[in-house]
Amino acid sequence: MSAYWFARLDPSKKNSAFAPVSPVGWFVTFALAAALAVFVTVVLDAGGSPLMQVVGIAAGVLMGIGVFILSVRDKVDPERSLADYKGRAGS
């Protein structure tokens, strides 16, 4: 069993809440948390130089990209074959 990048429901275990998380998933999760901290501190703070506001906006964009990847990644399971999806679509 391979570790998923991010915590999500594990379809192979009925009583398991989450699949194991790989080190890459932890790194990306903490990077998104750091980007959120920069975004909140810089952009939502009324003060700050224009350069720091650009840095904060860039952090917000990175968060958006990360959230998009997280939302799309759970839609398709790479371990499942295309035939399984075609068979399930007909039912």
PDB file of N, CA and C in Angstrom:
ATOM      1  N   MET A   1       0.848  -1.182   0.000  1.00  0.00           N
ATOM      2  CA  MET A   1       0.000   0.000   0.000  1.00  0.00           C
ATOM      3  C   MET A   1       0.888   1.238   0.000  1.00  0.00           C
ATOM      4  N   SER A   2       0.658   2.098  -0.926  1.00  0.00           N
ATOM      5  CA  SER A   2       1.452   3.325  -0.998  1.00  0.00           C
ATOM      6  C   SER A   2       0.793   4.422  -0.174  1.00  0.00           C
ATOM      7  N   ALA A   3       1.624   5.279   0.356  1.00  0.00           N
ATOM      8  CA  ALA A   3       1.114   6.389   1.164  1.00  0.00           C
ATOM      9  C   ALA A   3       0.623   7.496   0.250  1.00  0.00           C
ATOM     10  N   TYR A   4      -0.524   8.043   0.583  1.00  0.00           N
ATOM     11  CA  TYR A   4      -1.047   9.158  -0.195  1.00  0.00           C
ATOM     12  C   TYR A   4      -0.323  10.439   0.193  1.00  0.00           C
ATOM     13  N   TRP A   5      -0.383  11.426  -0.697  1.00  0.00           N
ATOM     14  CA  TRP A   5       0.243  12.713  -0.400  1.00  0.00           C
ATOM     15  C   TRP A   5      -0.462  13.407   0.751  1.00  0.00           C
ATOM     16  N   PHE A   6      -1.767  13.320   0.773  1.00  0.00           N
ATOM     17  CA  PHE A   6      -2.537  14.066   1.754  1.00  0.00           C
ATOM     18  C   PHE A   6      -3.486  13.130   2.474  1.00  0.00           C
ATOM     19  N   ALA A   7      -3.831  13.495   3.685  1.00  0.00           N
ATOM     20  CA  ALA A   7      -4.790  12.697   4.444  1.00  0.00           C
ATOM     21  C   ALA A   7      -6.133  12.712   3.732  1.00  0.00           C
ATOM     22  N   ARG A   8      -6.717  11.558   3.555  1.00  0.00           N
ATOM     23  CA  ARG A   8      -8.036  11.465   2.937  1.00  0.00           C
ATOM     24  C   ARG A   8      -8.655  10.136   3.346  1.00  0.00           C
ATOM     25  N   LEU A   9      -9.888   9.958   3.020  1.00  0.00           N
ATOM     26  CA  LEU A   9     -10.552   8.709   3.364  1.00  0.00           C
ATOM     27  C   LEU A   9      -9.878   7.541   2.664  1.00  0.00           C
ATOM     28  N   ASP A  10      -9.669   6.475   3.380  1.00  0.00           N
ATOM     29  CA  ASP A  10      -9.014   5.300   2.820  1.00  0.00           C
ATOM     30  C   ASP A  10     -10.075   4.314   2.350  1.00  0.00           C
ATOM     31  N   PRO A  11     -10.241   4.139   1.036  1.00  0.00           N
ATOM     32  CA  PRO A  11     -11.293   3.241   0.543  1.00  0.00           C
ATOM     33  C   PRO A  11     -11.017   1.769   0.816  1.00  0.00           C
ATOM     34  N   SER A  12      -9.754   1.410   1.115  1.00  0.00           N
ATOM     35  CA  SER A  12      -9.427  -0.001   1.291  1.00  0.00           C
ATOM     36  C   SER A  12      -9.722  -0.505   2.702  1.00  0.00           C
ATOM     37  N   LYS A  13      -9.950   0.393   3.660  1.00  0.00           N
ATOM     38  CA  LYS A  13     -10.219  -0.021   5.038  1.00  0.00           C
ATOM     39  C   LYS A  13     -11.544   0.568   5.495  1.00  0.00           C
ATOM     40  N   LYS A  14     -12.441  -0.294   5.933  1.00  0.00           N
ATOM     41  CA  LYS A  14     -13.764   0.185   6.336  1.00  0.00           C
ATOM     42  C   LYS A  14     -13.709   0.969   7.647  1.00  0.00           C
ATOM     43  N   ASN A  15     -12.827   0.563   8.556  1.00  0.00           N
ATOM     44  CA  ASN A  15     -12.803   1.191   9.873  1.00  0.00           C
ATOM     45  C   ASN A  15     -11.702   2.232  10.024  1.00  0.00           C
ATOM     46  N   SER A  16     -10.965   2.499   8.943  1.00  0.00           N
ATOM     47  CA  SER A  16      -9.874   3.464   9.022  1.00  0.00           C
ATOM     48  C   SER A  16     -10.366   4.828   8.562  1.00  0.00           C
ATOM     49  N   ALA A  17     -10.096   5.843   9.358  1.00  0.00           N
ATOM     50  CA  ALA A  17     -10.584   7.182   9.013  1.00  0.00           C
ATOM     51  C   ALA A  17      -9.736   7.816   7.922  1.00  0.00           C
ATOM     52  N   PHE A  18      -8.411   7.671   8.001  1.00  0.00           N
ATOM     53  CA  PHE A  18      -7.544   8.340   7.042  1.00  0.00           C
ATOM     54  C   PHE A  18      -6.461   7.406   6.549  1.00  0.00           C
ATOM     55  N   ALA A  19      -6.055   7.626   5.319  1.00  0.00           N
ATOM     56  CA  ALA A  19      -4.919   6.910   4.764  1.00  0.00           C
ATOM     57  C   ALA A  19      -3.637   7.520   5.319  1.00  0.00           C
ATOM     58  N   PRO A  20      -2.536   6.778   5.297  1.00  0.00           N
ATOM     59  CA  PRO A  20      -1.278   7.350   5.774  1.00  0.00           C
ATOM     60  C   PRO A  20      -0.829   8.523   4.907  1.00  0.00           C
ATOM     61  N   VAL A  21      -0.113   9.445   5.506  1.00  0.00           N
ATOM     62  CA  VAL A  21       0.336  10.644   4.807  1.00  0.00           C
ATOM     63  C   VAL A  21       1.837  10.545   4.582  1.00  0.00           C
ATOM     64  N   SER A  22       2.272  10.786   3.366  1.00  0.00           N
ATOM     65  CA  SER A  22       3.695  10.722   3.049  1.00  0.00           C
ATOM     66  C   SER A  22       4.401  11.984   3.536  1.00  0.00           C
ATOM     67  N   PRO A  23       5.723  11.965   3.634  1.00  0.00           N
ATOM     68  CA  PRO A  23       6.463  13.170   4.038  1.00  0.00           C
ATOM     69  C   PRO A  23       6.216  14.361   3.115  1.00  0.00           C
ATOM     70  N   VAL A  24       6.006  14.097   1.838  1.00  0.00           N
ATOM     71  CA  VAL A  24       5.715  15.196   0.905  1.00  0.00           C
ATOM     72  C   VAL A  24       4.417  15.883   1.303  1.00  0.00           C
ATOM     73  N   GLY A  25       3.449  15.107   1.725  1.00  0.00           N
ATOM     74  CA  GLY A  25       2.177  15.684   2.147  1.00  0.00           C
ATOM     75  C   GLY A  25       2.329  16.580   3.361  1.00  0.00           C
ATOM     76  N   TRP A  26       3.154  16.149   4.315  1.00  0.00           N
ATOM     77  CA  TRP A  26       3.396  16.991   5.487  1.00  0.00           C
ATOM     78  C   TRP A  26       4.085  18.283   5.081  1.00  0.00           C
ATOM     79  N   PHE A  27       5.074  18.191   4.189  1.00  0.00           N
ATOM     80  CA  PHE A  27       5.805  19.384   3.747  1.00  0.00           C
ATOM     81  C   PHE A  27       4.865  20.374   3.071  1.00  0.00           C
ATOM     82  N   VAL A  28       4.026  19.867   2.164  1.00  0.00           N
ATOM     83  CA  VAL A  28       3.094  20.749   1.451  1.00  0.00           C
ATOM     84  C   VAL A  28       2.080  21.348   2.420  1.00  0.00           C
ATOM     85  N   THR A  29       1.624  20.559   3.378  1.00  0.00           N
ATOM     86  CA  THR A  29       0.659  21.067   4.357  1.00  0.00           C
ATOM     87  C   THR A  29       1.246  22.208   5.172  1.00  0.00           C
ATOM     88  N   PHE A  30       2.482  22.040   5.638  1.00  0.00           N
ATOM     89  CA  PHE A  30       3.115  23.110   6.415  1.00  0.00           C
ATOM     90  C   PHE A  30       3.431  24.314   5.539  1.00  0.00           C
ATOM     91  N   ALA A  31       3.766  24.082   4.263  1.00  0.00           N
ATOM     92  CA  ALA A  31       4.016  25.205   3.356  1.00  0.00           C
ATOM     93  C   ALA A  31       2.740  26.016   3.145  1.00  0.00           C
ATOM     94  N   LEU A  32       1.607  25.333   3.005  1.00  0.00           N
ATOM     95  CA  LEU A  32       0.334  26.046   2.858  1.00  0.00           C
ATOM     96  C   LEU A  32      -0.011  26.808   4.138  1.00  0.00           C
ATOM     97  N   ALA A  33       0.286  26.218   5.286  1.00  0.00           N
ATOM     98  CA  ALA A  33       0.028  26.921   6.546  1.00  0.00           C
ATOM     99  C   ALA A  33       0.906  28.165   6.667  1.00  0.00           C
ATOM    100  N   ALA A  34       2.164  28.060   6.235  1.00  0.00           N
ATOM    101  CA  ALA A  34       3.053  29.224   6.266  1.00  0.00           C
ATOM    102  C   ALA A  34       2.565  30.300   5.306  1.00  0.00           C
ATOM    103  N   ALA A  35       2.095  29.877   4.130  1.00  0.00           N
ATOM    104  CA  ALA A  35       1.561  30.851   3.170  1.00  0.00           C
ATOM    105  C   ALA A  35       0.329  31.545   3.739  1.00  0.00           C
ATOM    106  N   LEU A  36      -0.504  30.805   4.448  1.00  0.00           N
ATOM    107  CA  LEU A  36      -1.674  31.414   5.082  1.00  0.00           C
ATOM    108  C   LEU A  36      -1.254  32.439   6.134  1.00  0.00           C
ATOM    109  N   ALA A  37      -0.231  32.101   6.917  1.00  0.00           N
ATOM    110  CA  ALA A  37       0.243  33.036   7.941  1.00  0.00           C
ATOM    111  C   ALA A  37       0.776  34.313   7.307  1.00  0.00           C
ATOM    112  N   VAL A  38       1.541  34.182   6.229  1.00  0.00           N
ATOM    113  CA  VAL A  38       2.072  35.368   5.541  1.00  0.00           C
ATOM    114  C   VAL A  38       0.931  36.177   4.952  1.00  0.00           C
ATOM    115  N   PHE A  39      -0.037  35.496   4.350  1.00  0.00           N
ATOM    116  CA  PHE A  39      -1.169  36.190   3.731  1.00  0.00           C
ATOM    117  C   PHE A  39      -1.947  36.994   4.769  1.00  0.00           C
ATOM    118  N   VAL A  40      -2.261  36.367   5.880  1.00  0.00           N
ATOM    119  CA  VAL A  40      -3.044  37.052   6.916  1.00  0.00           C
ATOM    120  C   VAL A  40      -2.251  38.211   7.509  1.00  0.00           C
ATOM    121  N   THR A  41      -0.965  37.976   7.770  1.00  0.00           N
ATOM    122  CA  THR A  41      -0.149  39.006   8.414  1.00  0.00           C
ATOM    123  C   THR A  41       0.069  40.211   7.515  1.00  0.00           C
ATOM    124  N   VAL A  42       0.346  39.971   6.242  1.00  0.00           N
ATOM    125  CA  VAL A  42       0.750  41.064   5.352  1.00  0.00           C
ATOM    126  C   VAL A  42      -0.441  41.723   4.676  1.00  0.00           C
ATOM    127  N   VAL A  43      -1.300  40.925   4.051  1.00  0.00           N
ATOM    128  CA  VAL A  43      -2.369  41.498   3.230  1.00  0.00           C
ATOM    129  C   VAL A  43      -3.490  42.070   4.088  1.00  0.00           C
ATOM    130  N   LEU A  44      -3.906  41.342   5.094  1.00  0.00           N
ATOM    131  CA  LEU A  44      -5.020  41.814   5.902  1.00  0.00           C
ATOM    132  C   LEU A  44      -4.608  42.910   6.882  1.00  0.00           C
ATOM    133  N   ASP A  45      -3.310  43.057   7.096  1.00  0.00           N
ATOM    134  CA  ASP A  45      -2.817  44.163   7.914  1.00  0.00           C
ATOM    135  C   ASP A  45      -2.825  45.420   7.050  1.00  0.00           C
ATOM    136  N   ALA A  46      -3.411  46.489   7.563  1.00  0.00           N
ATOM    137  CA  ALA A  46      -3.556  47.712   6.760  1.00  0.00           C
ATOM    138  C   ALA A  46      -2.204  48.324   6.418  1.00  0.00           C
ATOM    139  N   GLY A  47      -1.218  48.197   7.298  1.00  0.00           N
ATOM    140  CA  GLY A  47       0.091  48.788   7.038  1.00  0.00           C
ATOM    141  C   GLY A  47       0.956  47.872   6.194  1.00  0.00           C
ATOM    142  N   GLY A  48       2.215  48.257   6.046  1.00  0.00           N
ATOM    143  CA  GLY A  48       3.150  47.437   5.299  1.00  0.00           C
ATOM    144  C   GLY A  48       3.519  48.069   3.982  1.00  0.00           C
ATOM    145  N   SER A  49       4.726  47.775   3.535  1.00  0.00           N
ATOM    146  CA  SER A  49       5.195  48.346   2.276  1.00  0.00           C
ATOM    147  C   SER A  49       4.526  47.641   1.104  1.00  0.00           C
ATOM    148  N   PRO A  50       4.491  48.281  -0.064  1.00  0.00           N
ATOM    149  CA  PRO A  50       3.910  47.627  -1.250  1.00  0.00           C
ATOM    150  C   PRO A  50       4.609  46.317  -1.600  1.00  0.00           C
ATOM    151  N   LEU A  51       5.919  46.244  -1.370  1.00  0.00           N
ATOM    152  CA  LEU A  51       6.644  45.007  -1.662  1.00  0.00           C
ATOM    153  C   LEU A  51       6.124  43.862  -0.796  1.00  0.00           C
ATOM    154  N   MET A  52       5.906  44.125   0.483  1.00  0.00           N
ATOM    155  CA  MET A  52       5.401  43.079   1.366  1.00  0.00           C
ATOM    156  C   MET A  52       3.969  42.702   1.018  1.00  0.00           C
ATOM    157  N   GLN A  53       3.195  43.649   0.514  1.00  0.00           N
ATOM    158  CA  GLN A  53       1.843  43.313   0.086  1.00  0.00           C
ATOM    159  C   GLN A  53       1.875  42.395  -1.133  1.00  0.00           C
ATOM    160  N   VAL A  54       2.834  42.626  -2.037  1.00  0.00           N
ATOM    161  CA  VAL A  54       2.986  41.732  -3.193  1.00  0.00           C
ATOM    162  C   VAL A  54       3.373  40.335  -2.714  1.00  0.00           C
ATOM    163  N   VAL A  55       4.266  40.268  -1.722  1.00  0.00           N
ATOM    164  CA  VAL A  55       4.651  38.963  -1.171  1.00  0.00           C
ATOM    165  C   VAL A  55       3.435  38.264  -0.562  1.00  0.00           C
ATOM    166  N   GLY A  56       2.604  39.023   0.143  1.00  0.00           N
ATOM    167  CA  GLY A  56       1.407  38.438   0.738  1.00  0.00           C
ATOM    168  C   GLY A  56       0.418  37.956  -0.300  1.00  0.00           C
ATOM    169  N   ILE A  57       0.250  38.739  -1.365  1.00  0.00           N
ATOM    170  CA  ILE A  57      -0.657  38.323  -2.441  1.00  0.00           C
ATOM    171  C   ILE A  57      -0.122  37.067  -3.120  1.00  0.00           C
ATOM    172  N   ALA A  58       1.196  36.995  -3.325  1.00  0.00           N
ATOM    173  CA  ALA A  58       1.794  35.794  -3.916  1.00  0.00           C
ATOM    174  C   ALA A  58       1.549  34.580  -3.020  1.00  0.00           C
ATOM    175  N   ALA A  59       1.631  34.775  -1.705  1.00  0.00           N
ATOM    176  CA  ALA A  59       1.344  33.672  -0.784  1.00  0.00           C
ATOM    177  C   ALA A  59      -0.110  33.232  -0.913  1.00  0.00           C
ATOM    178  N   GLY A  60      -1.013  34.202  -1.088  1.00  0.00           N
ATOM    179  CA  GLY A  60      -2.419  33.856  -1.290  1.00  0.00           C
ATOM    180  C   GLY A  60      -2.647  33.077  -2.571  1.00  0.00           C
ATOM    181  N   VAL A  61      -1.932  33.459  -3.634  1.00  0.00           N
ATOM    182  CA  VAL A  61      -2.042  32.730  -4.906  1.00  0.00           C
ATOM    183  C   VAL A  61      -1.536  31.302  -4.735  1.00  0.00           C
ATOM    184  N   LEU A  62      -0.418  31.141  -4.029  1.00  0.00           N
ATOM    185  CA  LEU A  62       0.101  29.791  -3.786  1.00  0.00           C
ATOM    186  C   LEU A  62      -0.891  28.957  -2.980  1.00  0.00           C
ATOM    187  N   MET A  63      -1.551  29.582  -2.018  1.00  0.00           N
ATOM    188  CA  MET A  63      -2.582  28.865  -1.264  1.00  0.00           C
ATOM    189  C   MET A  63      -3.713  28.420  -2.176  1.00  0.00           C
ATOM    190  N   GLY A  64      -4.129  29.303  -3.075  1.00  0.00           N
ATOM    191  CA  GLY A  64      -5.199  28.949  -4.006  1.00  0.00           C
ATOM    192  C   GLY A  64      -4.824  27.774  -4.880  1.00  0.00           C
ATOM    193  N   ILE A  65      -3.583  27.784  -5.371  1.00  0.00           N
ATOM    194  CA  ILE A  65      -3.109  26.666  -6.195  1.00  0.00           C
ATOM    195  C   ILE A  65      -3.089  25.381  -5.373  1.00  0.00           C
ATOM    196  N   GLY A  66      -2.615  25.475  -4.130  1.00  0.00           N
ATOM    197  CA  GLY A  66      -2.564  24.293  -3.274  1.00  0.00           C
ATOM    198  C   GLY A  66      -3.942  23.731  -2.981  1.00  0.00           C
ATOM    199  N   VAL A  67      -4.891  24.609  -2.704  1.00  0.00           N
ATOM    200  CA  VAL A  67      -6.261  24.153  -2.439  1.00  0.00           C
ATOM    201  C   VAL A  67      -6.862  23.517  -3.686  1.00  0.00           C
ATOM    202  N   PHE A  68      -6.572  24.077  -4.862  1.00  0.00           N
ATOM    203  CA  PHE A  68      -7.064  23.491  -6.110  1.00  0.00           C
ATOM    204  C   PHE A  68      -6.499  22.089  -6.299  1.00  0.00           C
ATOM    205  N   ILE A  69      -5.197  21.929  -6.047  1.00  0.00           N
ATOM    206  CA  ILE A  69      -4.584  20.605  -6.191  1.00  0.00           C
ATOM    207  C   ILE A  69      -5.215  19.623  -5.209  1.00  0.00           C
ATOM    208  N   LEU A  70      -5.438  20.077  -3.970  1.00  0.00           N
ATOM    209  CA  LEU A  70      -6.057  19.194  -2.980  1.00  0.00           C
ATOM    210  C   LEU A  70      -7.466  18.786  -3.397  1.00  0.00           C
ATOM    211  N   SER A  71      -8.222  19.722  -3.972  1.00  0.00           N
ATOM    212  CA  SER A  71      -9.603  19.411  -4.329  1.00  0.00           C
ATOM    213  C   SER A  71      -9.678  18.511  -5.550  1.00  0.00           C
ATOM    214  N   VAL A  72      -8.773  18.685  -6.493  1.00  0.00           N
ATOM    215  CA  VAL A  72      -8.814  17.872  -7.712  1.00  0.00           C
ATOM    216  C   VAL A  72      -8.246  16.489  -7.457  1.00  0.00           C
ATOM    217  N   ARG A  73      -7.271  16.381  -6.575  1.00  0.00           N
ATOM    218  CA  ARG A  73      -6.567  15.118  -6.374  1.00  0.00           C
ATOM    219  C   ARG A  73      -7.489  14.019  -5.850  1.00  0.00           C
ATOM    220  N   ASP A  74      -8.481  14.365  -5.071  1.00  0.00           N
ATOM    221  CA  ASP A  74      -9.371  13.344  -4.526  1.00  0.00           C
ATOM    222  C   ASP A  74     -10.432  12.888  -5.520  1.00  0.00           C
ATOM    223  N   LYS A  75     -10.572  13.578  -6.643  1.00  0.00           N
ATOM    224  CA  LYS A  75     -11.616  13.213  -7.598  1.00  0.00           C
ATOM    225  C   LYS A  75     -11.267  11.940  -8.363  1.00  0.00           C
ATOM    226  N   VAL A  76      -9.989  11.730  -8.654  1.00  0.00           N
ATOM    227  CA  VAL A  76      -9.559  10.572  -9.430  1.00  0.00           C
ATOM    228  C   VAL A  76      -8.520   9.814  -8.621  1.00  0.00           C
ATOM    229  N   ASP A  77      -8.729   8.519  -8.463  1.00  0.00           N
ATOM    230  CA  ASP A  77      -7.779   7.680  -7.745  1.00  0.00           C
ATOM    231  C   ASP A  77      -6.814   7.078  -8.757  1.00  0.00           C
ATOM    232  N   PRO A  78      -5.517   7.424  -8.708  1.00  0.00           N
ATOM    233  CA  PRO A  78      -4.576   6.909  -9.705  1.00  0.00           C
ATOM    234  C   PRO A  78      -4.367   5.408  -9.624  1.00  0.00           C
ATOM    235  N   GLU A  79      -4.758   4.786  -8.503  1.00  0.00           N
ATOM    236  CA  GLU A  79      -4.579   3.347  -8.361  1.00  0.00           C
ATOM    237  C   GLU A  79      -5.735   2.559  -8.972  1.00  0.00           C
ATOM    238  N   ARG A  80      -6.751   3.243  -9.422  1.00  0.00           N
ATOM    239  CA  ARG A  80      -7.908   2.575 -10.012  1.00  0.00           C
ATOM    240  C   ARG A  80      -7.820   2.687 -11.534  1.00  0.00           C
ATOM    241  N   SER A  81      -8.194   1.642 -12.225  1.00  0.00           N
ATOM    242  CA  SER A  81      -8.062   1.646 -13.680  1.00  0.00           C
ATOM    243  C   SER A  81      -9.205   2.419 -14.329  1.00  0.00           C
ATOM    244  N   LEU A  82      -8.984   2.812 -15.569  1.00  0.00           N
ATOM    245  CA  LEU A  82     -10.004   3.554 -16.309  1.00  0.00           C
ATOM    246  C   LEU A  82     -11.248   2.698 -16.518  1.00  0.00           C
ATOM    247  N   ALA A  83     -11.065   1.387 -16.652  1.00  0.00           N
ATOM    248  CA  ALA A  83     -12.214   0.501 -16.845  1.00  0.00           C
ATOM    249  C   ALA A  83     -13.139   0.524 -15.625  1.00  0.00           C
ATOM    250  N   ASP A  84     -12.563   0.651 -14.440  1.00  0.00           N
ATOM    251  CA  ASP A  84     -13.393   0.726 -13.235  1.00  0.00           C
ATOM    252  C   ASP A  84     -14.267   1.965 -13.260  1.00  0.00           C
ATOM    253  N   TYR A  85     -13.699   3.086 -13.716  1.00  0.00           N
ATOM    254  CA  TYR A  85     -14.484   4.315 -13.781  1.00  0.00           C
ATOM    255  C   TYR A  85     -15.574   4.216 -14.841  1.00  0.00           C
ATOM    256  N   LYS A  86     -15.258   3.601 -15.977  1.00  0.00           N
ATOM    257  CA  LYS A  86     -16.269   3.451 -17.031  1.00  0.00           C
ATOM    258  C   LYS A  86     -17.402   2.552 -16.553  1.00  0.00           C
ATOM    259  N   GLY A  87     -17.072   1.476 -15.842  1.00  0.00           N
ATOM    260  CA  GLY A  87     -18.103   0.581 -15.336  1.00  0.00           C
ATOM    261  C   GLY A  87     -18.963   1.245 -14.285  1.00  0.00           C
ATOM    262  N   ARG A  88     -18.356   2.077 -13.454  1.00  0.00           N
ATOM    263  CA  ARG A  88     -19.104   2.748 -12.405  1.00  0.00           C
ATOM    264  C   ARG A  88     -19.977   3.858 -12.976  1.00  0.00           C
ATOM    265  N   ALA A  89     -19.542   4.476 -14.060  1.00  0.00           N
ATOM    266  CA  ALA A  89     -20.302   5.583 -14.648  1.00  0.00           C
ATOM    267  C   ALA A  89     -21.632   5.095 -15.211  1.00  0.00           C
ATOM    268  N   GLY A  90     -21.672   3.838 -15.667  1.00  0.00           N
ATOM    269  CA  GLY A  90     -22.895   3.324 -16.260  1.00  0.00           C
ATOM    270  C   GLY A  90     -23.959   2.997 -15.236  1.00  0.00           C
ATOM    271  N   SER A  91     -23.554   2.788 -13.986  1.00  0.00           N
ATOM    272  CA  SER A  91     -24.530   2.383 -12.969  1.00  0.00           C
ATOM    273  C   SER A  91     -25.199   3.573 -12.328  1.00  0.00           C
TER     274      SER A  91
END
